[in-house]
Amino acid sequence: MRGLHLVLLAVLLCSDHALSLQCYLCAGAQMATQCWVMTCGQRQNFCFKGTVITTWPDGQKVSGKSAGCAPSCEEVSYMMQTMYGKGPGTSLLANISKQLGLPAPKFDVQSLSCCEKDLCNGVSRPGRSLWALAGGLLLSLGPALLWALL
């Protein structure tokens, strides 16, 4: 029985390191409910978020959230500059619009930030803490432990 306690303790203490980083994934989302939780790849150690304001040629503005996983903050900045550009007509999306014969919108990236904790790039999800894991483990193993003691 003592061996079981040691195994449970080791699982609880090491579980935070065994889990991969999770970030919110949003692509032009207008509300946080339109984002998904994504498990990041092996070398993606950062979450990022930013607001992209799209201004169409008729003057209409649309704001959307962009968020996801990244290997570094520098990569996020480079990716956003490539995708949305620094000025009118300099972005990948604007060039695609021009090639399709569509009016090219102007993109403005605001509030770009990076972080290194689970779901730090949006509204946090309940139940992702080590204490919640311990509670869930005890609740699921509780009946078996009680049965073993009786």
N, C-alpha and C. Protein backbone atom coordinates (compact mmCIF):
# COMPACT_ATOMS: atom_id res chain seq x y z
N MET A 1 0.83 -1.19 0.00
CA MET A 1 0.00 0.00 0.00
C MET A 1 0.87 1.25 0.00
N ARG A 2 2.02 1.18 0.69
CA ARG A 2 2.90 2.34 0.75
C ARG A 2 3.47 2.65 -0.64
N GLY A 3 3.73 1.62 -1.43
CA GLY A 3 4.23 1.80 -2.79
C GLY A 3 3.24 2.57 -3.65
N LEU A 4 1.94 2.30 -3.45
CA LEU A 4 0.90 3.01 -4.20
C LEU A 4 0.92 4.50 -3.87
N HIS A 5 1.13 4.82 -2.59
CA HIS A 5 1.20 6.23 -2.19
C HIS A 5 2.37 6.93 -2.86
N LEU A 6 3.51 6.26 -2.94
CA LEU A 6 4.68 6.86 -3.58
C LEU A 6 4.46 7.07 -5.08
N VAL A 7 3.81 6.12 -5.72
CA VAL A 7 3.51 6.26 -7.15
C VAL A 7 2.57 7.43 -7.38
N LEU A 8 1.51 7.52 -6.57
CA LEU A 8 0.56 8.64 -6.71
C LEU A 8 1.25 9.98 -6.47
N LEU A 9 2.11 10.05 -5.48
CA LEU A 9 2.83 11.28 -5.19
C LEU A 9 3.74 11.66 -6.36
N ALA A 10 4.42 10.69 -6.94
CA ALA A 10 5.31 10.96 -8.08
C ALA A 10 4.51 11.45 -9.28
N VAL A 11 3.35 10.85 -9.52
CA VAL A 11 2.50 11.28 -10.64
C VAL A 11 2.06 12.72 -10.44
N LEU A 12 1.63 13.06 -9.23
CA LEU A 12 1.16 14.41 -8.95
C LEU A 12 2.28 15.44 -9.07
N LEU A 13 3.46 15.11 -8.60
CA LEU A 13 4.57 16.07 -8.63
C LEU A 13 5.15 16.24 -10.03
N CYS A 14 5.13 15.22 -10.84
CA CYS A 14 5.76 15.29 -12.17
C CYS A 14 4.77 15.58 -13.29
N SER A 15 3.49 15.56 -13.02
CA SER A 15 2.51 15.68 -14.10
C SER A 15 2.55 17.02 -14.79
N ASP A 16 2.87 18.09 -14.07
CA ASP A 16 2.89 19.41 -14.68
C ASP A 16 3.96 19.50 -15.76
N HIS A 17 5.09 18.81 -15.58
CA HIS A 17 6.17 18.84 -16.56
C HIS A 17 5.88 17.91 -17.74
N ALA A 18 5.10 16.88 -17.53
CA ALA A 18 4.83 15.92 -18.59
C ALA A 18 3.81 16.44 -19.60
N LEU A 19 2.99 17.39 -19.19
CA LEU A 19 1.96 17.91 -20.08
C LEU A 19 2.56 18.91 -21.06
N SER A 20 2.13 18.86 -22.30
CA SER A 20 2.57 19.83 -23.30
C SER A 20 1.86 21.15 -23.06
N LEU A 21 2.48 22.22 -23.54
CA LEU A 21 1.89 23.54 -23.43
C LEU A 21 0.58 23.59 -24.22
N GLN A 22 -0.42 24.22 -23.64
CA GLN A 22 -1.69 24.42 -24.33
C GLN A 22 -1.93 25.91 -24.48
N CYS A 23 -2.39 26.29 -25.66
CA CYS A 23 -2.69 27.69 -25.96
C CYS A 23 -4.05 27.76 -26.64
N TYR A 24 -4.64 28.93 -26.59
CA TYR A 24 -5.85 29.16 -27.37
C TYR A 24 -5.45 29.39 -28.81
N LEU A 25 -6.23 28.87 -29.74
CA LEU A 25 -6.00 29.05 -31.17
C LEU A 25 -7.17 29.85 -31.74
N CYS A 26 -6.87 31.01 -32.27
CA CYS A 26 -7.88 31.88 -32.87
C CYS A 26 -7.34 32.40 -34.19
N ALA A 27 -8.19 32.46 -35.18
CA ALA A 27 -7.81 33.03 -36.48
C ALA A 27 -8.92 33.97 -36.91
N GLY A 28 -8.79 35.23 -36.56
CA GLY A 28 -9.79 36.22 -36.93
C GLY A 28 -11.06 36.14 -36.10
N ALA A 29 -10.99 35.50 -34.95
CA ALA A 29 -12.17 35.36 -34.09
C ALA A 29 -12.62 36.71 -33.55
N GLN A 30 -13.90 36.92 -33.50
CA GLN A 30 -14.44 38.17 -32.97
C GLN A 30 -14.74 38.04 -31.47
N MET A 31 -14.96 36.80 -31.01
CA MET A 31 -15.24 36.55 -29.60
C MET A 31 -14.37 35.40 -29.11
N ALA A 32 -14.08 35.39 -27.81
CA ALA A 32 -13.24 34.33 -27.22
C ALA A 32 -13.87 32.95 -27.38
N THR A 33 -15.20 32.88 -27.47
CA THR A 33 -15.87 31.59 -27.62
C THR A 33 -15.62 30.96 -28.98
N GLN A 34 -15.07 31.73 -29.92
CA GLN A 34 -14.77 31.21 -31.25
C GLN A 34 -13.35 30.64 -31.33
N CYS A 35 -12.66 30.59 -30.21
CA CYS A 35 -11.29 30.06 -30.16
C CYS A 35 -11.32 28.63 -29.63
N TRP A 36 -10.29 27.87 -29.98
CA TRP A 36 -10.16 26.48 -29.54
C TRP A 36 -8.91 26.34 -28.68
N VAL A 37 -8.89 25.28 -27.88
CA VAL A 37 -7.69 24.95 -27.11
C VAL A 37 -6.83 24.04 -27.99
N MET A 38 -5.56 24.37 -28.08
CA MET A 38 -4.63 23.64 -28.94
C MET A 38 -3.45 23.14 -28.10
N THR A 39 -3.06 21.90 -28.29
CA THR A 39 -1.84 21.39 -27.66
C THR A 39 -0.68 21.71 -28.61
N CYS A 40 0.29 22.44 -28.10
CA CYS A 40 1.40 22.92 -28.92
C CYS A 40 2.35 21.78 -29.27
N GLY A 41 3.10 21.97 -30.34
CA GLY A 41 4.10 21.01 -30.77
C GLY A 41 5.30 21.00 -29.84
N GLN A 42 6.20 20.10 -30.10
CA GLN A 42 7.36 19.88 -29.24
C GLN A 42 8.22 21.12 -29.04
N ARG A 43 8.46 21.88 -30.08
CA ARG A 43 9.35 23.04 -29.97
C ARG A 43 8.60 24.35 -29.86
N GLN A 44 7.31 24.29 -29.63
CA GLN A 44 6.51 25.49 -29.48
C GLN A 44 6.30 25.74 -27.99
N ASN A 45 7.11 26.64 -27.44
CA ASN A 45 7.12 26.88 -26.00
C ASN A 45 6.43 28.17 -25.59
N PHE A 46 5.81 28.87 -26.54
CA PHE A 46 5.17 30.14 -26.24
C PHE A 46 3.75 30.16 -26.79
N CYS A 47 2.88 30.86 -26.08
CA CYS A 47 1.56 31.21 -26.59
C CYS A 47 1.63 32.67 -27.00
N PHE A 48 0.85 33.05 -27.99
CA PHE A 48 0.79 34.46 -28.38
C PHE A 48 -0.65 34.87 -28.62
N LYS A 49 -0.88 36.17 -28.56
CA LYS A 49 -2.18 36.72 -28.92
C LYS A 49 -1.98 38.13 -29.45
N GLY A 50 -2.90 38.53 -30.27
CA GLY A 50 -2.87 39.87 -30.83
C GLY A 50 -4.22 40.19 -31.44
N THR A 51 -4.45 41.46 -31.67
CA THR A 51 -5.68 41.91 -32.31
C THR A 51 -5.31 42.42 -33.69
N VAL A 52 -6.04 41.96 -34.70
CA VAL A 52 -5.81 42.40 -36.07
C VAL A 52 -7.03 43.20 -36.51
N ILE A 53 -6.80 44.46 -36.87
CA ILE A 53 -7.88 45.31 -37.37
C ILE A 53 -7.74 45.39 -38.88
N THR A 54 -8.77 44.94 -39.57
CA THR A 54 -8.79 44.95 -41.03
C THR A 54 -9.61 46.13 -41.50
N THR A 55 -9.02 46.98 -42.33
CA THR A 55 -9.74 48.12 -42.91
C THR A 55 -9.92 47.85 -44.40
N TRP A 56 -11.17 47.74 -44.83
CA TRP A 56 -11.49 47.48 -46.22
C TRP A 56 -11.46 48.78 -47.01
N PRO A 57 -11.31 48.71 -48.33
CA PRO A 57 -11.24 49.93 -49.15
C PRO A 57 -12.43 50.87 -48.97
N ASP A 58 -13.59 50.34 -48.60
CA ASP A 58 -14.77 51.20 -48.39
C ASP A 58 -14.77 51.86 -47.01
N GLY A 59 -13.73 51.61 -46.20
CA GLY A 59 -13.61 52.23 -44.88
C GLY A 59 -14.13 51.38 -43.73
N GLN A 60 -14.79 50.28 -44.04
CA GLN A 60 -15.32 49.40 -42.99
C GLN A 60 -14.17 48.74 -42.25
N LYS A 61 -14.25 48.73 -40.90
CA LYS A 61 -13.21 48.11 -40.07
C LYS A 61 -13.78 46.90 -39.35
N VAL A 62 -12.98 45.85 -39.33
CA VAL A 62 -13.35 44.62 -38.63
C VAL A 62 -12.17 44.24 -37.74
N SER A 63 -12.48 43.95 -36.48
CA SER A 63 -11.45 43.57 -35.52
C SER A 63 -11.55 42.07 -35.24
N GLY A 64 -10.41 41.40 -35.24
CA GLY A 64 -10.40 39.96 -34.96
C GLY A 64 -9.21 39.58 -34.11
N LYS A 65 -9.38 38.51 -33.34
CA LYS A 65 -8.31 38.03 -32.46
C LYS A 65 -7.50 36.97 -33.19
N SER A 66 -6.19 37.05 -33.03
CA SER A 66 -5.28 36.04 -33.57
C SER A 66 -4.49 35.49 -32.39
N ALA A 67 -4.45 34.17 -32.25
CA ALA A 67 -3.75 33.55 -31.13
C ALA A 67 -3.32 32.14 -31.51
N GLY A 68 -2.29 31.65 -30.81
CA GLY A 68 -1.83 30.30 -31.08
C GLY A 68 -0.52 29.98 -30.38
N CYS A 69 0.19 28.97 -30.90
CA CYS A 69 1.47 28.52 -30.36
C CYS A 69 2.60 29.04 -31.24
N ALA A 70 3.77 29.20 -30.65
CA ALA A 70 4.94 29.66 -31.41
C ALA A 70 6.22 29.18 -30.75
N PRO A 71 7.30 29.02 -31.53
CA PRO A 71 8.57 28.61 -30.95
C PRO A 71 9.26 29.74 -30.18
N SER A 72 8.98 31.00 -30.54
CA SER A 72 9.58 32.14 -29.84
C SER A 72 8.76 33.40 -30.12
N CYS A 73 8.99 34.43 -29.32
CA CYS A 73 8.30 35.70 -29.54
C CYS A 73 8.77 36.35 -30.84
N GLU A 74 10.05 36.17 -31.17
CA GLU A 74 10.58 36.73 -32.41
C GLU A 74 9.88 36.11 -33.62
N GLU A 75 9.61 34.80 -33.55
CA GLU A 75 8.91 34.13 -34.64
C GLU A 75 7.49 34.66 -34.79
N VAL A 76 6.84 34.96 -33.67
CA VAL A 76 5.49 35.52 -33.72
C VAL A 76 5.50 36.85 -34.45
N SER A 77 6.44 37.71 -34.08
CA SER A 77 6.54 39.02 -34.71
C SER A 77 6.80 38.89 -36.21
N TYR A 78 7.72 38.01 -36.58
CA TYR A 78 8.04 37.79 -38.00
C TYR A 78 6.83 37.24 -38.75
N MET A 79 6.15 36.27 -38.15
CA MET A 79 4.98 35.66 -38.78
C MET A 79 3.88 36.69 -39.01
N MET A 80 3.63 37.53 -38.00
CA MET A 80 2.57 38.54 -38.12
C MET A 80 2.93 39.58 -39.18
N GLN A 81 4.20 39.98 -39.24
CA GLN A 81 4.62 40.95 -40.26
C GLN A 81 4.49 40.35 -41.66
N THR A 82 4.83 39.07 -41.80
CA THR A 82 4.71 38.42 -43.10
C THR A 82 3.25 38.29 -43.51
N MET A 83 2.43 37.88 -42.57
CA MET A 83 1.02 37.64 -42.87
C MET A 83 0.25 38.94 -43.10
N TYR A 84 0.46 39.91 -42.20
CA TYR A 84 -0.35 41.12 -42.23
C TYR A 84 0.40 42.36 -42.72
N GLY A 85 1.73 42.32 -42.78
CA GLY A 85 2.51 43.43 -43.32
C GLY A 85 2.66 44.59 -42.36
N LYS A 86 3.57 45.51 -42.73
CA LYS A 86 3.79 46.71 -41.92
C LYS A 86 3.02 47.90 -42.46
N GLY A 87 2.61 47.83 -43.70
CA GLY A 87 1.90 48.93 -44.32
C GLY A 87 0.96 48.42 -45.39
N PRO A 88 0.19 49.32 -46.02
CA PRO A 88 -0.75 48.89 -47.06
C PRO A 88 -0.04 48.19 -48.21
N GLY A 89 -0.56 47.07 -48.63
CA GLY A 89 -0.02 46.36 -49.78
C GLY A 89 1.23 45.54 -49.51
N THR A 90 1.70 45.47 -48.27
CA THR A 90 2.94 44.74 -47.99
C THR A 90 2.69 43.36 -47.40
N SER A 91 1.47 42.99 -47.17
CA SER A 91 1.19 41.71 -46.51
C SER A 91 0.95 40.60 -47.52
N LEU A 92 1.14 39.38 -47.06
CA LEU A 92 0.86 38.20 -47.86
C LEU A 92 -0.61 38.17 -48.25
N LEU A 93 -1.49 38.49 -47.31
CA LEU A 93 -2.93 38.46 -47.59
C LEU A 93 -3.32 39.54 -48.59
N ALA A 94 -2.71 40.72 -48.51
CA ALA A 94 -3.01 41.79 -49.47
C ALA A 94 -2.54 41.39 -50.87
N ASN A 95 -1.38 40.75 -50.97
CA ASN A 95 -0.87 40.30 -52.27
C ASN A 95 -1.76 39.23 -52.88
N ILE A 96 -2.27 38.33 -52.05
CA ILE A 96 -3.20 37.31 -52.55
C ILE A 96 -4.47 37.96 -53.06
N SER A 97 -4.98 38.95 -52.33
CA SER A 97 -6.18 39.67 -52.76
C SER A 97 -5.96 40.33 -54.12
N LYS A 98 -4.80 40.96 -54.30
CA LYS A 98 -4.49 41.62 -55.58
C LYS A 98 -4.43 40.60 -56.71
N GLN A 99 -3.81 39.45 -56.46
CA GLN A 99 -3.70 38.42 -57.50
C GLN A 99 -5.07 37.87 -57.90
N LEU A 100 -5.99 37.87 -56.96
CA LEU A 100 -7.35 37.40 -57.25
C LEU A 100 -8.22 38.50 -57.84
N GLY A 101 -7.67 39.70 -57.96
CA GLY A 101 -8.43 40.82 -58.51
C GLY A 101 -9.40 41.43 -57.51
N LEU A 102 -9.17 41.20 -56.24
CA LEU A 102 -10.03 41.74 -55.19
C LEU A 102 -9.38 42.98 -54.59
N PRO A 103 -10.18 43.89 -54.05
CA PRO A 103 -9.58 45.05 -53.38
C PRO A 103 -8.78 44.60 -52.17
N ALA A 104 -7.58 45.16 -52.02
CA ALA A 104 -6.69 44.76 -50.93
C ALA A 104 -7.01 45.52 -49.66
N PRO A 105 -7.30 44.81 -48.58
CA PRO A 105 -7.53 45.49 -47.30
C PRO A 105 -6.21 45.90 -46.65
N LYS A 106 -6.31 46.78 -45.67
CA LYS A 106 -5.14 47.18 -44.88
C LYS A 106 -5.27 46.49 -43.53
N PHE A 107 -4.17 45.95 -43.03
CA PHE A 107 -4.17 45.25 -41.75
C PHE A 107 -3.33 46.02 -40.74
N ASP A 108 -3.81 46.05 -39.50
CA ASP A 108 -3.08 46.70 -38.42
C ASP A 108 -3.06 45.74 -37.23
N VAL A 109 -1.86 45.26 -36.87
CA VAL A 109 -1.71 44.33 -35.74
C VAL A 109 -1.48 45.15 -34.48
N GLN A 110 -2.30 44.91 -33.46
CA GLN A 110 -2.19 45.64 -32.20
C GLN A 110 -2.10 44.65 -31.04
N SER A 111 -1.51 45.11 -29.96
CA SER A 111 -1.47 44.35 -28.69
C SER A 111 -0.88 42.96 -28.85
N LEU A 112 0.18 42.82 -29.59
CA LEU A 112 0.83 41.52 -29.76
C LEU A 112 1.64 41.18 -28.51
N SER A 113 1.39 40.01 -27.92
CA SER A 113 2.11 39.61 -26.71
C SER A 113 2.35 38.10 -26.70
N CYS A 114 3.35 37.70 -25.92
CA CYS A 114 3.72 36.28 -25.76
C CYS A 114 3.71 35.91 -24.28
N CYS A 115 3.52 34.63 -24.00
CA CYS A 115 3.57 34.13 -22.63
C CYS A 115 3.95 32.65 -22.67
N GLU A 116 4.27 32.07 -21.51
CA GLU A 116 4.80 30.70 -21.47
C GLU A 116 4.01 29.74 -20.59
N LYS A 117 2.82 30.07 -20.18
CA LYS A 117 2.02 29.19 -19.32
C LYS A 117 0.82 28.67 -20.10
N ASP A 118 0.24 27.57 -19.64
CA ASP A 118 -0.95 27.02 -20.28
C ASP A 118 -2.06 28.05 -20.34
N LEU A 119 -2.64 28.19 -21.52
CA LEU A 119 -3.81 29.03 -21.78
C LEU A 119 -3.64 30.47 -21.30
N CYS A 120 -2.42 30.96 -21.34
CA CYS A 120 -2.14 32.33 -20.89
C CYS A 120 -2.50 33.36 -21.95
N ASN A 121 -2.86 32.93 -23.15
CA ASN A 121 -3.18 33.87 -24.21
C ASN A 121 -4.68 34.09 -24.40
N GLY A 122 -5.44 33.86 -23.35
CA GLY A 122 -6.88 34.08 -23.41
C GLY A 122 -7.50 33.84 -22.05
N VAL A 123 -8.79 33.62 -22.04
CA VAL A 123 -9.51 33.35 -20.80
C VAL A 123 -9.16 31.95 -20.33
N SER A 124 -8.77 31.83 -19.08
CA SER A 124 -8.33 30.52 -18.58
C SER A 124 -9.52 29.58 -18.41
N ARG A 125 -9.21 28.33 -18.51
CA ARG A 125 -10.19 27.27 -18.39
C ARG A 125 -10.12 26.68 -16.99
N PRO A 126 -11.24 26.46 -16.32
CA PRO A 126 -11.18 25.87 -14.99
C PRO A 126 -10.71 24.42 -15.03
N GLY A 127 -10.07 23.97 -13.94
CA GLY A 127 -9.71 22.58 -13.82
C GLY A 127 -8.39 22.19 -14.46
N ARG A 128 -7.52 23.13 -14.74
CA ARG A 128 -6.25 22.81 -15.39
C ARG A 128 -5.08 22.90 -14.40
N SER A 129 -5.38 23.00 -13.12
CA SER A 129 -4.31 23.15 -12.14
C SER A 129 -3.90 21.79 -11.58
N LEU A 130 -2.77 21.77 -10.90
CA LEU A 130 -2.27 20.55 -10.29
C LEU A 130 -3.22 20.08 -9.19
N TRP A 131 -3.83 21.03 -8.45
CA TRP A 131 -4.78 20.67 -7.40
C TRP A 131 -6.03 20.03 -7.99
N ALA A 132 -6.48 20.52 -9.15
CA ALA A 132 -7.64 19.91 -9.80
C ALA A 132 -7.30 18.49 -10.25
N LEU A 133 -6.09 18.29 -10.75
CA LEU A 133 -5.65 16.95 -11.14
C LEU A 133 -5.62 16.02 -9.93
N ALA A 134 -5.10 16.52 -8.81
CA ALA A 134 -5.03 15.71 -7.59
C ALA A 134 -6.44 15.36 -7.11
N GLY A 135 -7.34 16.34 -7.12
CA GLY A 135 -8.71 16.10 -6.69
C GLY A 135 -9.41 15.09 -7.58
N GLY A 136 -9.24 15.22 -8.89
CA GLY A 136 -9.84 14.28 -9.83
C GLY A 136 -9.30 12.88 -9.65
N LEU A 137 -8.00 12.78 -9.42
CA LEU A 137 -7.36 11.48 -9.21
C LEU A 137 -7.88 10.83 -7.93
N LEU A 138 -7.99 11.61 -6.86
CA LEU A 138 -8.50 11.07 -5.60
C LEU A 138 -9.96 10.66 -5.71
N LEU A 139 -10.76 11.47 -6.42
CA LEU A 139 -12.17 11.12 -6.59
C LEU A 139 -12.33 9.85 -7.42
N SER A 140 -11.50 9.70 -8.44
CA SER A 140 -11.63 8.51 -9.28
C SER A 140 -11.09 7.26 -8.59
N LEU A 141 -10.06 7.42 -7.76
CA LEU A 141 -9.48 6.27 -7.06
C LEU A 141 -10.11 6.04 -5.69
N GLY A 142 -10.90 7.00 -5.22
CA GLY A 142 -11.50 6.91 -3.88
C GLY A 142 -12.27 5.62 -3.64
N PRO A 143 -13.22 5.27 -4.51
CA PRO A 143 -13.97 4.03 -4.29
C PRO A 143 -13.07 2.79 -4.25
N ALA A 144 -12.05 2.74 -5.12
CA ALA A 144 -11.15 1.58 -5.13
C ALA A 144 -10.34 1.51 -3.84
N LEU A 145 -9.87 2.66 -3.36
CA LEU A 145 -9.11 2.68 -2.11
C LEU A 145 -10.00 2.31 -0.92
N LEU A 146 -11.22 2.81 -0.93
CA LEU A 146 -12.16 2.49 0.14
C LEU A 146 -12.46 0.98 0.14
N TRP A 147 -12.65 0.41 -1.04
CA TRP A 147 -12.92 -1.02 -1.16
C TRP A 147 -11.72 -1.83 -0.65
N ALA A 148 -10.50 -1.36 -0.95
CA ALA A 148 -9.29 -2.07 -0.51
C ALA A 148 -9.14 -2.02 1.01
N LEU A 149 -9.57 -0.92 1.62
CA LEU A 149 -9.46 -0.79 3.07
C LEU A 149 -10.50 -1.63 3.81
N LEU A 150 -11.62 -1.88 3.17
CA LEU A 150 -12.68 -2.68 3.81
C LEU A 150 -12.38 -4.12 3.63
